Protein backbone atom coordinates (compact mmCIF):
# COMPACT_ATOMS: atom_id res chain seq x y z
CA UNK A 1 21.36 -38.78 37.48
CA UNK A 2 18.83 -35.94 36.93
CA UNK A 3 20.81 -34.25 34.08
CA UNK A 4 20.88 -37.54 32.18
CA UNK A 5 17.06 -37.77 31.93
CA UNK A 6 16.68 -35.07 29.22
CA UNK A 7 19.58 -36.63 27.32
CA UNK A 8 17.97 -40.09 27.40
CA UNK A 9 14.57 -38.61 26.43
CA UNK A 10 16.22 -36.86 23.47
CA UNK A 11 17.83 -40.07 22.28
CA UNK A 12 14.51 -41.94 22.55
CA UNK A 13 12.67 -39.19 20.66
CA UNK A 14 15.35 -39.16 17.94
CA UNK A 15 15.17 -42.93 17.54
CA UNK A 16 11.39 -42.82 17.26
CA UNK A 17 11.53 -39.99 14.71
CA UNK A 18 14.10 -41.92 12.68
CA UNK A 19 11.94 -45.03 12.73
CA UNK A 20 8.89 -43.05 11.59
CA UNK A 21 10.94 -41.30 8.92
CA UNK A 22 11.95 -44.58 7.38
CA UNK A 23 8.43 -45.96 7.44
CA UNK A 24 6.55 -45.95 4.13
CA UNK A 25 3.44 -44.31 5.56
CA UNK A 26 5.33 -41.33 6.88
CA UNK A 27 7.11 -40.86 3.55
CA UNK A 28 3.77 -40.96 1.78
CA UNK A 29 2.29 -38.42 4.16
CA UNK A 30 5.33 -36.18 3.82
CA UNK A 31 5.09 -36.39 0.04
CA UNK A 32 1.38 -35.51 0.19
CA UNK A 33 2.11 -32.58 2.50
CA UNK A 34 4.85 -31.40 0.16
CA UNK A 35 2.47 -31.53 -2.82
CA UNK A 36 -0.15 -29.54 -0.89
CA UNK A 37 2.43 -26.91 0.02
CA UNK A 38 3.64 -26.73 -3.57
CA UNK A 39 0.06 -26.36 -4.87
CA UNK A 40 -0.66 -23.64 -2.31
CA UNK A 41 2.53 -21.83 -3.33
CA UNK A 42 1.60 -22.03 -7.00
CA UNK A 43 -1.89 -20.75 -6.27
CA UNK A 44 -0.53 -17.86 -4.21
CA UNK A 45 1.93 -17.02 -6.97
CA UNK A 46 -0.86 -16.96 -9.59
CA UNK A 47 -3.02 -14.73 -7.40
CA UNK A 48 -0.11 -12.38 -6.76
CA UNK A 49 0.72 -12.21 -10.46
CA UNK A 50 -2.93 -11.50 -11.29
CA UNK A 51 -3.12 -8.73 -8.69
CA UNK A 52 0.11 -7.21 -10.00
CA UNK A 53 -1.14 -7.24 -13.60
CA UNK A 54 -4.42 -5.69 -12.51
CA UNK A 55 -2.62 -2.94 -10.61
CA UNK A 56 -0.33 -2.20 -13.54
CA UNK A 57 -3.30 -2.02 -15.92
CA UNK A 58 -5.01 0.46 -13.59
CA UNK A 59 -1.86 2.60 -13.49
CA UNK A 60 -1.54 2.42 -17.26
CA UNK A 61 -5.17 3.47 -17.72
CA UNK A 62 -4.93 6.39 -15.31
CA UNK A 63 -1.64 7.62 -16.79
CA UNK A 64 -3.13 7.48 -20.30
CA UNK A 65 -6.12 9.52 -19.13
CA UNK A 66 -3.82 12.05 -17.46
CA UNK A 67 -1.68 12.25 -20.61
CA UNK A 68 -4.81 13.04 -22.67
CA UNK A 69 -5.90 15.75 -20.24
CA UNK A 70 -2.50 17.39 -20.28
CA UNK A 71 -2.17 17.25 -24.07
CA UNK A 72 -5.65 18.77 -24.52
CA UNK A 73 -4.79 21.69 -22.26
CA UNK A 74 -1.54 22.40 -24.10
CA UNK A 75 -2.89 22.14 -27.66
CA UNK A 76 -5.54 24.91 -27.88
CA UNK A 77 -3.57 28.01 -26.92
CA UNK A 78 -6.45 30.37 -26.18
CA UNK A 79 -6.12 33.95 -25.03
CA UNK A 80 -7.25 34.54 -21.49
CA UNK A 81 -10.61 36.29 -21.12
CA UNK A 82 -10.56 40.06 -20.75
CA UNK A 83 -10.72 41.13 -17.15
CA UNK A 84 -13.06 43.77 -15.85
CA UNK A 85 -11.36 46.85 -14.41
CA UNK A 86 -11.17 46.91 -10.66
CA UNK A 87 -13.61 49.21 -8.90
CA UNK A 88 -11.96 51.40 -6.30
CA UNK A 89 -13.81 51.72 -3.06
CA UNK A 90 -13.80 54.97 -1.16
CA UNK A 91 -11.67 54.98 1.95
CA UNK A 92 -13.67 55.07 5.21
CA UNK A 93 -13.86 58.47 6.89
CA UNK A 94 -11.73 58.94 9.93
CA UNK A 95 -13.39 60.15 13.09
CA UNK A 96 -11.98 63.31 14.58
CA UNK A 97 -9.99 62.77 17.73
CA UNK A 98 -11.45 64.53 20.78
CA UNK A 99 -9.53 67.59 21.84
CA UNK A 100 -7.98 67.83 25.26
CA UNK A 101 -10.18 70.73 26.39
CA UNK A 102 -13.51 69.18 25.51
CA UNK A 103 -15.42 67.04 27.99
CA UNK A 104 -17.20 64.01 26.87
């Protein structure tokens, strides 16, 4: 008998859901919910499209700026500035190693 209780509860729930589904009020509410979901989806799609366009414009702007910088550096082929000759420093003097016979 106990295993039949969930089965009977499922049948009752299904019958109630079917009755509500066929009711005009539930159809109206489902239609309203569907419209709200569709509007939210459209709004999210517009926001996503706007964010994508904004990101692409930022990339386009930065790549154009980088292109200008690179073309400016290539165009004026200047000679490098003359370098000053390196100054040689004198090597440090080595200290004489103590001899074996001397005491410190």
